[in-house]
Amino acid sequence: MIGIRTTKTRKSINRDDLRNLCIRQEYYTRGDCKAYEELLDFVTDRNITDTDIIAIADNIYDHSDIDRIMSEYGCGSDDVFDSIYFNVGELVHWFCESSTM
């Protein structure tokens, strides 16, 4: 008899990786300490969904100097969001667990 394999995936973002991204890219320069800490706490011990990645990118976008970034890179606001979204997405760690029934 052939068993049925099931898999579970879990995605996470390391808090320190997100913090380092914000520092390296000069994101979150318009957020206060409380909002920044809430962002970092959001990813701690959480199974990250695609919707969460968008929410994280939105949060970073809303608390960053978008005009500076657009001026520095010669791009529009949608391009800045896409870049933030891509950068956050690169931080995602995937974990798979499988079992046979």
PDB file of N, CA and C in Angstrom:
ATOM      1  N   MET A   1       0.840  -1.184   0.000  1.00  0.00           N
ATOM      2  CA  MET A   1       0.000   0.000   0.000  1.00  0.00           C
ATOM      3  C   MET A   1       0.888   1.251   0.000  1.00  0.00           C
ATOM      4  N   ILE A   2       0.515   2.191  -0.813  1.00  0.00           N
ATOM      5  CA  ILE A   2       1.271   3.437  -0.920  1.00  0.00           C
ATOM      6  C   ILE A   2       0.672   4.442   0.052  1.00  0.00           C
ATOM      7  N   GLY A   3       1.547   5.038   0.884  1.00  0.00           N
ATOM      8  CA  GLY A   3       1.092   6.042   1.835  1.00  0.00           C
ATOM      9  C   GLY A   3       0.865   7.395   1.176  1.00  0.00           C
ATOM     10  N   ILE A   4       0.055   8.185   1.791  1.00  0.00           N
ATOM     11  CA  ILE A   4      -0.212   9.538   1.307  1.00  0.00           C
ATOM     12  C   ILE A   4       0.697  10.485   2.067  1.00  0.00           C
ATOM     13  N   ARG A   5       1.480  11.241   1.327  1.00  0.00           N
ATOM     14  CA  ARG A   5       2.412  12.187   1.940  1.00  0.00           C
ATOM     15  C   ARG A   5       1.720  13.535   2.113  1.00  0.00           C
ATOM     16  N   THR A   6       1.834  14.064   3.293  1.00  0.00           N
ATOM     17  CA  THR A   6       1.321  15.404   3.568  1.00  0.00           C
ATOM     18  C   THR A   6       2.501  16.288   3.957  1.00  0.00           C
ATOM     19  N   THR A   7       2.392  17.540   3.619  1.00  0.00           N
ATOM     20  CA  THR A   7       3.447  18.485   3.978  1.00  0.00           C
ATOM     21  C   THR A   7       2.828  19.717   4.627  1.00  0.00           C
ATOM     22  N   LYS A   8       3.578  20.267   5.540  1.00  0.00           N
ATOM     23  CA  LYS A   8       3.219  21.529   6.177  1.00  0.00           C
ATOM     24  C   LYS A   8       4.381  22.481   5.966  1.00  0.00           C
ATOM     25  N   THR A   9       4.080  23.679   5.566  1.00  0.00           N
ATOM     26  CA  THR A   9       5.139  24.673   5.434  1.00  0.00           C
ATOM     27  C   THR A   9       4.931  25.783   6.451  1.00  0.00           C
ATOM     28  N   ARG A  10       6.028  26.344   6.867  1.00  0.00           N
ATOM     29  CA  ARG A  10       6.015  27.459   7.795  1.00  0.00           C
ATOM     30  C   ARG A  10       7.011  28.483   7.273  1.00  0.00           C
ATOM     31  N   LYS A  11       6.607  29.734   7.296  1.00  0.00           N
ATOM     32  CA  LYS A  11       7.497  30.812   6.860  1.00  0.00           C
ATOM     33  C   LYS A  11       7.739  31.737   8.045  1.00  0.00           C
ATOM     34  N   SER A  12       8.974  32.198   8.163  1.00  0.00           N
ATOM     35  CA  SER A  12       9.286  33.133   9.241  1.00  0.00           C
ATOM     36  C   SER A  12      10.271  34.184   8.738  1.00  0.00           C
ATOM     37  N   ILE A  13      10.317  35.281   9.469  1.00  0.00           N
ATOM     38  CA  ILE A  13      11.299  36.332   9.229  1.00  0.00           C
ATOM     39  C   ILE A  13      11.998  36.579  10.561  1.00  0.00           C
ATOM     40  N   ASN A  14      13.311  36.545  10.525  1.00  0.00           N
ATOM     41  CA  ASN A  14      14.092  36.797  11.716  1.00  0.00           C
ATOM     42  C   ASN A  14      14.052  38.288  12.047  1.00  0.00           C
ATOM     43  N   ARG A  15      13.753  38.577  13.277  1.00  0.00           N
ATOM     44  CA  ARG A  15      13.646  39.957  13.760  1.00  0.00           C
ATOM     45  C   ARG A  15      14.919  40.756  13.458  1.00  0.00           C
ATOM     46  N   ASP A  16      16.085  40.168  13.734  1.00  0.00           N
ATOM     47  CA  ASP A  16      17.348  40.872  13.505  1.00  0.00           C
ATOM     48  C   ASP A  16      17.608  41.111  12.020  1.00  0.00           C
ATOM     49  N   ASP A  17      17.189  40.174  11.178  1.00  0.00           N
ATOM     50  CA  ASP A  17      17.335  40.365   9.734  1.00  0.00           C
ATOM     51  C   ASP A  17      16.493  41.547   9.259  1.00  0.00           C
ATOM     52  N   LEU A  18      15.274  41.668   9.777  1.00  0.00           N
ATOM     53  CA  LEU A  18      14.408  42.789   9.407  1.00  0.00           C
ATOM     54  C   LEU A  18      15.005  44.103   9.905  1.00  0.00           C
ATOM     55  N   ARG A  19      15.495  44.099  11.114  1.00  0.00           N
ATOM     56  CA  ARG A  19      16.140  45.296  11.682  1.00  0.00           C
ATOM     57  C   ARG A  19      17.338  45.700  10.825  1.00  0.00           C
ATOM     58  N   ASN A  20      18.179  44.735  10.471  1.00  0.00           N
ATOM     59  CA  ASN A  20      19.365  45.034   9.658  1.00  0.00           C
ATOM     60  C   ASN A  20      18.993  45.547   8.275  1.00  0.00           C
ATOM     61  N   LEU A  21      17.913  45.022   7.702  1.00  0.00           N
ATOM     62  CA  LEU A  21      17.437  45.519   6.413  1.00  0.00           C
ATOM     63  C   LEU A  21      17.066  46.997   6.525  1.00  0.00           C
ATOM     64  N   CYS A  22      16.313  47.336   7.561  1.00  0.00           N
ATOM     65  CA  CYS A  22      15.890  48.729   7.742  1.00  0.00           C
ATOM     66  C   CYS A  22      17.089  49.655   7.923  1.00  0.00           C
ATOM     67  N   ILE A  23      18.081  49.205   8.655  1.00  0.00           N
ATOM     68  CA  ILE A  23      19.285  50.026   8.859  1.00  0.00           C
ATOM     69  C   ILE A  23      20.056  50.165   7.545  1.00  0.00           C
ATOM     70  N   ARG A  24      20.291  49.049   6.868  1.00  0.00           N
ATOM     71  CA  ARG A  24      21.092  49.033   5.642  1.00  0.00           C
ATOM     72  C   ARG A  24      20.452  49.886   4.532  1.00  0.00           C
ATOM     73  N   GLN A  25      19.130  49.816   4.410  1.00  0.00           N
ATOM     74  CA  GLN A  25      18.424  50.534   3.342  1.00  0.00           C
ATOM     75  C   GLN A  25      17.942  51.923   3.780  1.00  0.00           C
ATOM     76  N   GLU A  26      18.216  52.270   5.031  1.00  0.00           N
ATOM     77  CA  GLU A  26      17.762  53.547   5.613  1.00  0.00           C
ATOM     78  C   GLU A  26      16.238  53.674   5.569  1.00  0.00           C
ATOM     79  N   TYR A  27      15.560  52.565   5.885  1.00  0.00           N
ATOM     80  CA  TYR A  27      14.112  52.554   6.022  1.00  0.00           C
ATOM     81  C   TYR A  27      13.750  52.955   7.453  1.00  0.00           C
ATOM     82  N   TYR A  28      12.504  53.255   7.646  1.00  0.00           N
ATOM     83  CA  TYR A  28      11.912  53.527   8.956  1.00  0.00           C
ATOM     84  C   TYR A  28      12.497  54.760   9.635  1.00  0.00           C
ATOM     85  N   THR A  29      12.947  55.706   8.831  1.00  0.00           N
ATOM     86  CA  THR A  29      13.533  56.927   9.382  1.00  0.00           C
ATOM     87  C   THR A  29      12.473  57.911   9.871  1.00  0.00           C
ATOM     88  N   ARG A  30      11.223  57.636   9.585  1.00  0.00           N
ATOM     89  CA  ARG A  30      10.139  58.519  10.033  1.00  0.00           C
ATOM     90  C   ARG A  30       9.222  57.841  11.047  1.00  0.00           C
ATOM     91  N   GLY A  31       9.659  56.711  11.559  1.00  0.00           N
ATOM     92  CA  GLY A  31       8.871  56.004  12.564  1.00  0.00           C
ATOM     93  C   GLY A  31       9.452  56.247  13.949  1.00  0.00           C
ATOM     94  N   ASP A  32       8.591  56.224  14.946  1.00  0.00           N
ATOM     95  CA  ASP A  32       9.096  56.365  16.304  1.00  0.00           C
ATOM     96  C   ASP A  32       9.503  54.994  16.848  1.00  0.00           C
ATOM     97  N   CYS A  33      10.125  55.004  18.013  1.00  0.00           N
ATOM     98  CA  CYS A  33      10.645  53.761  18.599  1.00  0.00           C
ATOM     99  C   CYS A  33       9.530  52.756  18.860  1.00  0.00           C
ATOM    100  N   LYS A  34       8.365  53.233  19.299  1.00  0.00           N
ATOM    101  CA  LYS A  34       7.248  52.334  19.607  1.00  0.00           C
ATOM    102  C   LYS A  34       6.767  51.610  18.345  1.00  0.00           C
ATOM    103  N   ALA A  35       6.581  52.350  17.267  1.00  0.00           N
ATOM    104  CA  ALA A  35       6.118  51.751  16.010  1.00  0.00           C
ATOM    105  C   ALA A  35       7.159  50.774  15.458  1.00  0.00           C
ATOM    106  N   TYR A  36       8.423  51.131  15.579  1.00  0.00           N
ATOM    107  CA  TYR A  36       9.504  50.268  15.092  1.00  0.00           C
ATOM    108  C   TYR A  36       9.557  48.970  15.888  1.00  0.00           C
ATOM    109  N   GLU A  37       9.422  49.083  17.192  1.00  0.00           N
ATOM    110  CA  GLU A  37       9.431  47.899  18.057  1.00  0.00           C
ATOM    111  C   GLU A  37       8.221  47.009  17.746  1.00  0.00           C
ATOM    112  N   GLU A  38       7.065  47.619  17.490  1.00  0.00           N
ATOM    113  CA  GLU A  38       5.873  46.843  17.131  1.00  0.00           C
ATOM    114  C   GLU A  38       6.080  46.085  15.816  1.00  0.00           C
ATOM    115  N   LEU A  39       6.751  46.714  14.857  1.00  0.00           N
ATOM    116  CA  LEU A  39       7.057  46.042  13.593  1.00  0.00           C
ATOM    117  C   LEU A  39       7.940  44.826  13.843  1.00  0.00           C
ATOM    118  N   LEU A  40       8.990  45.013  14.632  1.00  0.00           N
ATOM    119  CA  LEU A  40       9.913  43.912  14.908  1.00  0.00           C
ATOM    120  C   LEU A  40       9.233  42.813  15.729  1.00  0.00           C
ATOM    121  N   ASP A  41       8.378  43.211  16.663  1.00  0.00           N
ATOM    122  CA  ASP A  41       7.640  42.216  17.453  1.00  0.00           C
ATOM    123  C   ASP A  41       6.671  41.416  16.587  1.00  0.00           C
ATOM    124  N   PHE A  42       6.137  42.050  15.555  1.00  0.00           N
ATOM    125  CA  PHE A  42       5.160  41.405  14.670  1.00  0.00           C
ATOM    126  C   PHE A  42       5.726  40.136  14.040  1.00  0.00           C
ATOM    127  N   VAL A  43       7.016  40.151  13.704  1.00  0.00           N
ATOM    128  CA  VAL A  43       7.602  38.993  13.019  1.00  0.00           C
ATOM    129  C   VAL A  43       8.134  37.944  13.984  1.00  0.00           C
ATOM    130  N   THR A  44       8.217  38.286  15.256  1.00  0.00           N
ATOM    131  CA  THR A  44       8.797  37.370  16.237  1.00  0.00           C
ATOM    132  C   THR A  44       7.849  36.204  16.494  1.00  0.00           C
ATOM    133  N   ASP A  45       8.355  34.978  16.316  1.00  0.00           N
ATOM    134  CA  ASP A  45       7.598  33.747  16.573  1.00  0.00           C
ATOM    135  C   ASP A  45       6.252  33.727  15.855  1.00  0.00           C
ATOM    136  N   ARG A  46       6.262  34.111  14.609  1.00  0.00           N
ATOM    137  CA  ARG A  46       5.019  34.167  13.831  1.00  0.00           C
ATOM    138  C   ARG A  46       5.178  33.362  12.550  1.00  0.00           C
ATOM    139  N   ASN A  47       4.129  32.659  12.165  1.00  0.00           N
ATOM    140  CA  ASN A  47       4.090  32.010  10.866  1.00  0.00           C
ATOM    141  C   ASN A  47       3.670  33.083   9.861  1.00  0.00           C
ATOM    142  N   ILE A  48       4.615  33.544   9.065  1.00  0.00           N
ATOM    143  CA  ILE A  48       4.398  34.662   8.152  1.00  0.00           C
ATOM    144  C   ILE A  48       3.597  34.204   6.933  1.00  0.00           C
ATOM    145  N   THR A  49       2.579  34.976   6.591  1.00  0.00           N
ATOM    146  CA  THR A  49       1.786  34.716   5.390  1.00  0.00           C
ATOM    147  C   THR A  49       2.165  35.743   4.313  1.00  0.00           C
ATOM    148  N   ASP A  50       1.699  35.507   3.104  1.00  0.00           N
ATOM    149  CA  ASP A  50       1.926  36.481   2.035  1.00  0.00           C
ATOM    150  C   ASP A  50       1.294  37.827   2.382  1.00  0.00           C
ATOM    151  N   THR A  51       0.137  37.782   3.018  1.00  0.00           N
ATOM    152  CA  THR A  51      -0.531  39.015   3.453  1.00  0.00           C
ATOM    153  C   THR A  51       0.312  39.754   4.486  1.00  0.00           C
ATOM    154  N   ASP A  52       0.972  39.007   5.373  1.00  0.00           N
ATOM    155  CA  ASP A  52       1.861  39.625   6.368  1.00  0.00           C
ATOM    156  C   ASP A  52       3.030  40.336   5.697  1.00  0.00           C
ATOM    157  N   ILE A  53       3.579  39.738   4.652  1.00  0.00           N
ATOM    158  CA  ILE A  53       4.710  40.358   3.955  1.00  0.00           C
ATOM    159  C   ILE A  53       4.288  41.702   3.361  1.00  0.00           C
ATOM    160  N   ILE A  54       3.096  41.748   2.796  1.00  0.00           N
ATOM    161  CA  ILE A  54       2.571  43.011   2.262  1.00  0.00           C
ATOM    162  C   ILE A  54       2.371  44.015   3.398  1.00  0.00           C
ATOM    163  N   ALA A  55       1.827  43.565   4.529  1.00  0.00           N
ATOM    164  CA  ALA A  55       1.602  44.457   5.676  1.00  0.00           C
ATOM    165  C   ALA A  55       2.920  45.003   6.219  1.00  0.00           C
ATOM    166  N   ILE A  56       3.937  44.163   6.277  1.00  0.00           N
ATOM    167  CA  ILE A  56       5.255  44.604   6.745  1.00  0.00           C
ATOM    168  C   ILE A  56       5.823  45.654   5.787  1.00  0.00           C
ATOM    169  N   ALA A  57       5.731  45.378   4.478  1.00  0.00           N
ATOM    170  CA  ALA A  57       6.220  46.336   3.482  1.00  0.00           C
ATOM    171  C   ALA A  57       5.444  47.652   3.570  1.00  0.00           C
ATOM    172  N   ASP A  58       4.139  47.582   3.747  1.00  0.00           N
ATOM    173  CA  ASP A  58       3.316  48.796   3.910  1.00  0.00           C
ATOM    174  C   ASP A  58       3.758  49.595   5.129  1.00  0.00           C
ATOM    175  N   ASN A  59       3.986  48.898   6.233  1.00  0.00           N
ATOM    176  CA  ASN A  59       4.409  49.545   7.468  1.00  0.00           C
ATOM    177  C   ASN A  59       5.744  50.258   7.269  1.00  0.00           C
ATOM    178  N   ILE A  60       6.691  49.578   6.647  1.00  0.00           N
ATOM    179  CA  ILE A  60       8.001  50.186   6.391  1.00  0.00           C
ATOM    180  C   ILE A  60       7.847  51.385   5.457  1.00  0.00           C
ATOM    181  N   TYR A  61       7.063  51.231   4.405  1.00  0.00           N
ATOM    182  CA  TYR A  61       6.823  52.314   3.443  1.00  0.00           C
ATOM    183  C   TYR A  61       6.248  53.543   4.157  1.00  0.00           C
ATOM    184  N   ASP A  62       5.247  53.312   5.008  1.00  0.00           N
ATOM    185  CA  ASP A  62       4.581  54.417   5.706  1.00  0.00           C
ATOM    186  C   ASP A  62       5.490  55.142   6.687  1.00  0.00           C
ATOM    187  N   HIS A  63       6.551  54.489   7.140  1.00  0.00           N
ATOM    188  CA  HIS A  63       7.443  55.078   8.140  1.00  0.00           C
ATOM    189  C   HIS A  63       8.821  55.409   7.572  1.00  0.00           C
ATOM    190  N   SER A  64       8.909  55.501   6.249  1.00  0.00           N
ATOM    191  CA  SER A  64      10.190  55.788   5.604  1.00  0.00           C
ATOM    192  C   SER A  64      10.104  57.081   4.803  1.00  0.00           C
ATOM    193  N   ASP A  65      11.259  57.664   4.533  1.00  0.00           N
ATOM    194  CA  ASP A  65      11.346  58.892   3.755  1.00  0.00           C
ATOM    195  C   ASP A  65      11.303  58.534   2.265  1.00  0.00           C
ATOM    196  N   ILE A  66      10.100  58.354   1.767  1.00  0.00           N
ATOM    197  CA  ILE A  66       9.891  57.898   0.388  1.00  0.00           C
ATOM    198  C   ILE A  66      10.407  58.930  -0.616  1.00  0.00           C
ATOM    199  N   ASP A  67      10.229  60.203  -0.316  1.00  0.00           N
ATOM    200  CA  ASP A  67      10.719  61.244  -1.232  1.00  0.00           C
ATOM    201  C   ASP A  67      12.231  61.152  -1.404  1.00  0.00           C
ATOM    202  N   ARG A  68      12.950  60.905  -0.318  1.00  0.00           N
ATOM    203  CA  ARG A  68      14.405  60.762  -0.397  1.00  0.00           C
ATOM    204  C   ARG A  68      14.776  59.568  -1.260  1.00  0.00           C
ATOM    205  N   ILE A  69      14.092  58.446  -1.044  1.00  0.00           N
ATOM    206  CA  ILE A  69      14.392  57.232  -1.803  1.00  0.00           C
ATOM    207  C   ILE A  69      14.086  57.435  -3.285  1.00  0.00           C
ATOM    208  N   MET A  70      12.936  58.071  -3.595  1.00  0.00           N
ATOM    209  CA  MET A  70      12.582  58.323  -5.000  1.00  0.00           C
ATOM    210  C   MET A  70      13.620  59.226  -5.656  1.00  0.00           C
ATOM    211  N   SER A  71      14.048  60.250  -4.940  1.00  0.00           N
ATOM    212  CA  SER A  71      15.042  61.172  -5.469  1.00  0.00           C
ATOM    213  C   SER A  71      16.391  60.484  -5.670  1.00  0.00           C
ATOM    214  N   GLU A  72      16.789  59.690  -4.698  1.00  0.00           N
ATOM    215  CA  GLU A  72      18.086  59.007  -4.760  1.00  0.00           C
ATOM    216  C   GLU A  72      18.159  58.013  -5.914  1.00  0.00           C
ATOM    217  N   TYR A  73      17.065  57.294  -6.143  1.00  0.00           N
ATOM    218  CA  TYR A  73      17.074  56.246  -7.166  1.00  0.00           C
ATOM    219  C   TYR A  73      16.367  56.633  -8.464  1.00  0.00           C
ATOM    220  N   GLY A  74      15.772  57.827  -8.492  1.00  0.00           N
ATOM    221  CA  GLY A  74      15.103  58.279  -9.704  1.00  0.00           C
ATOM    222  C   GLY A  74      13.924  57.404 -10.093  1.00  0.00           C
ATOM    223  N   CYS A  75      13.106  57.072  -9.104  1.00  0.00           N
ATOM    224  CA  CYS A  75      11.979  56.174  -9.369  1.00  0.00           C
ATOM    225  C   CYS A  75      10.711  56.733  -8.739  1.00  0.00           C
ATOM    226  N   GLY A  76       9.608  56.065  -8.995  1.00  0.00           N
ATOM    227  CA  GLY A  76       8.325  56.482  -8.457  1.00  0.00           C
ATOM    228  C   GLY A  76       7.983  55.750  -7.168  1.00  0.00           C
ATOM    229  N   SER A  77       6.885  56.160  -6.558  1.00  0.00           N
ATOM    230  CA  SER A  77       6.488  55.584  -5.269  1.00  0.00           C
ATOM    231  C   SER A  77       6.131  54.101  -5.378  1.00  0.00           C
ATOM    232  N   ASP A  78       5.528  53.701  -6.495  1.00  0.00           N
ATOM    233  CA  ASP A  78       5.215  52.277  -6.675  1.00  0.00           C
ATOM    234  C   ASP A  78       6.496  51.448  -6.748  1.00  0.00           C
ATOM    235  N   ASP A  79       7.518  52.002  -7.395  1.00  0.00           N
ATOM    236  CA  ASP A  79       8.800  51.302  -7.479  1.00  0.00           C
ATOM    237  C   ASP A  79       9.429  51.152  -6.095  1.00  0.00           C
ATOM    238  N   VAL A  80       9.295  52.167  -5.273  1.00  0.00           N
ATOM    239  CA  VAL A  80       9.842  52.101  -3.916  1.00  0.00           C
ATOM    240  C   VAL A  80       9.122  51.011  -3.127  1.00  0.00           C
ATOM    241  N   PHE A  81       7.792  50.986  -3.218  1.00  0.00           N
ATOM    242  CA  PHE A  81       7.059  49.945  -2.507  1.00  0.00           C
ATOM    243  C   PHE A  81       7.473  48.559  -2.996  1.00  0.00           C
ATOM    244  N   ASP A  82       7.550  48.395  -4.313  1.00  0.00           N
ATOM    245  CA  ASP A  82       7.939  47.098  -4.868  1.00  0.00           C
ATOM    246  C   ASP A  82       9.316  46.669  -4.365  1.00  0.00           C
ATOM    247  N   SER A  83      10.220  47.611  -4.265  1.00  0.00           N
ATOM    248  CA  SER A  83      11.562  47.309  -3.772  1.00  0.00           C
ATOM    249  C   SER A  83      11.532  46.887  -2.302  1.00  0.00           C
ATOM    250  N   ILE A  84      10.763  47.601  -1.497  1.00  0.00           N
ATOM    251  CA  ILE A  84      10.627  47.240  -0.082  1.00  0.00           C
ATOM    252  C   ILE A  84      10.011  45.851   0.035  1.00  0.00           C
ATOM    253  N   TYR A  85       8.954  45.609  -0.721  1.00  0.00           N
ATOM    254  CA  TYR A  85       8.274  44.314  -0.705  1.00  0.00           C
ATOM    255  C   TYR A  85       9.239  43.196  -1.095  1.00  0.00           C
ATOM    256  N   PHE A  86      10.015  43.412  -2.147  1.00  0.00           N
ATOM    257  CA  PHE A  86      10.996  42.426  -2.595  1.00  0.00           C
ATOM    258  C   PHE A  86      12.039  42.174  -1.507  1.00  0.00           C
ATOM    259  N   ASN A  87      12.562  43.249  -0.918  1.00  0.00           N
ATOM    260  CA  ASN A  87      13.584  43.116   0.119  1.00  0.00           C
ATOM    261  C   ASN A  87      13.064  42.359   1.339  1.00  0.00           C
ATOM    262  N   VAL A  88      11.838  42.645   1.745  1.00  0.00           N
ATOM    263  CA  VAL A  88      11.244  41.918   2.876  1.00  0.00           C
ATOM    264  C   VAL A  88      11.047  40.450   2.492  1.00  0.00           C
ATOM    265  N   GLY A  89      10.561  40.216   1.287  1.00  0.00           N
ATOM    266  CA  GLY A  89      10.346  38.844   0.819  1.00  0.00           C
ATOM    267  C   GLY A  89      11.616  38.010   0.816  1.00  0.00           C
ATOM    268  N   GLU A  90      12.741  38.648   0.541  1.00  0.00           N
ATOM    269  CA  GLU A  90      14.017  37.924   0.551  1.00  0.00           C
ATOM    270  C   GLU A  90      14.419  37.447   1.947  1.00  0.00           C
ATOM    271  N   LEU A  91      13.829  38.032   2.978  1.00  0.00           N
ATOM    272  CA  LEU A  91      14.160  37.657   4.351  1.00  0.00           C
ATOM    273  C   LEU A  91      13.416  36.411   4.827  1.00  0.00           C
ATOM    274  N   VAL A  92      12.432  35.977   4.063  1.00  0.00           N
ATOM    275  CA  VAL A  92      11.578  34.869   4.489  1.00  0.00           C
ATOM    276  C   VAL A  92      12.359  33.551   4.488  1.00  0.00           C
ATOM    277  N   HIS A  93      12.263  32.848   5.597  1.00  0.00           N
ATOM    278  CA  HIS A  93      12.829  31.508   5.723  1.00  0.00           C
ATOM    279  C   HIS A  93      11.682  30.512   5.647  1.00  0.00           C
ATOM    280  N   TRP A  94      11.839  29.481   4.813  1.00  0.00           N
ATOM    281  CA  TRP A  94      10.816  28.450   4.629  1.00  0.00           C
ATOM    282  C   TRP A  94      11.222  27.198   5.375  1.00  0.00           C
ATOM    283  N   PHE A  95      10.258  26.602   6.048  1.00  0.00           N
ATOM    284  CA  PHE A  95      10.486  25.336   6.726  1.00  0.00           C
ATOM    285  C   PHE A  95       9.395  24.361   6.268  1.00  0.00           C
ATOM    286  N   CYS A  96       9.796  23.154   5.947  1.00  0.00           N
ATOM    287  CA  CYS A  96       8.841  22.126   5.508  1.00  0.00           C
ATOM    288  C   CYS A  96       8.898  20.929   6.449  1.00  0.00           C
ATOM    289  N   GLU A  97       7.736  20.393   6.741  1.00  0.00           N
ATOM    290  CA  GLU A  97       7.632  19.149   7.496  1.00  0.00           C
ATOM    291  C   GLU A  97       6.740  18.221   6.670  1.00  0.00           C
ATOM    292  N   SER A  98       7.190  17.009   6.476  1.00  0.00           N
ATOM    293  CA  SER A  98       6.346  16.071   5.748  1.00  0.00           C
ATOM    294  C   SER A  98       6.176  14.790   6.552  1.00  0.00           C
ATOM    295  N   SER A  99       5.079  14.136   6.291  1.00  0.00           N
ATOM    296  CA  SER A  99       4.813  12.859   6.943  1.00  0.00           C
ATOM    297  C   SER A  99       4.000  11.989   5.991  1.00  0.00           C
ATOM    298  N   THR A 100       4.098  10.686   6.197  1.00  0.00           N
ATOM    299  CA  THR A 100       3.372   9.736   5.373  1.00  0.00           C
ATOM    300  C   THR A 100       2.297   9.082   6.213  1.00  0.00           C
ATOM    301  N   MET A 101       1.113   9.039   5.689  1.00  0.00           N
ATOM    302  CA  MET A 101      -0.009   8.412   6.401  1.00  0.00           C
ATOM    303  C   MET A 101      -0.261   7.036   5.852  1.00  0.00           C
TER     304      MET A 101
END
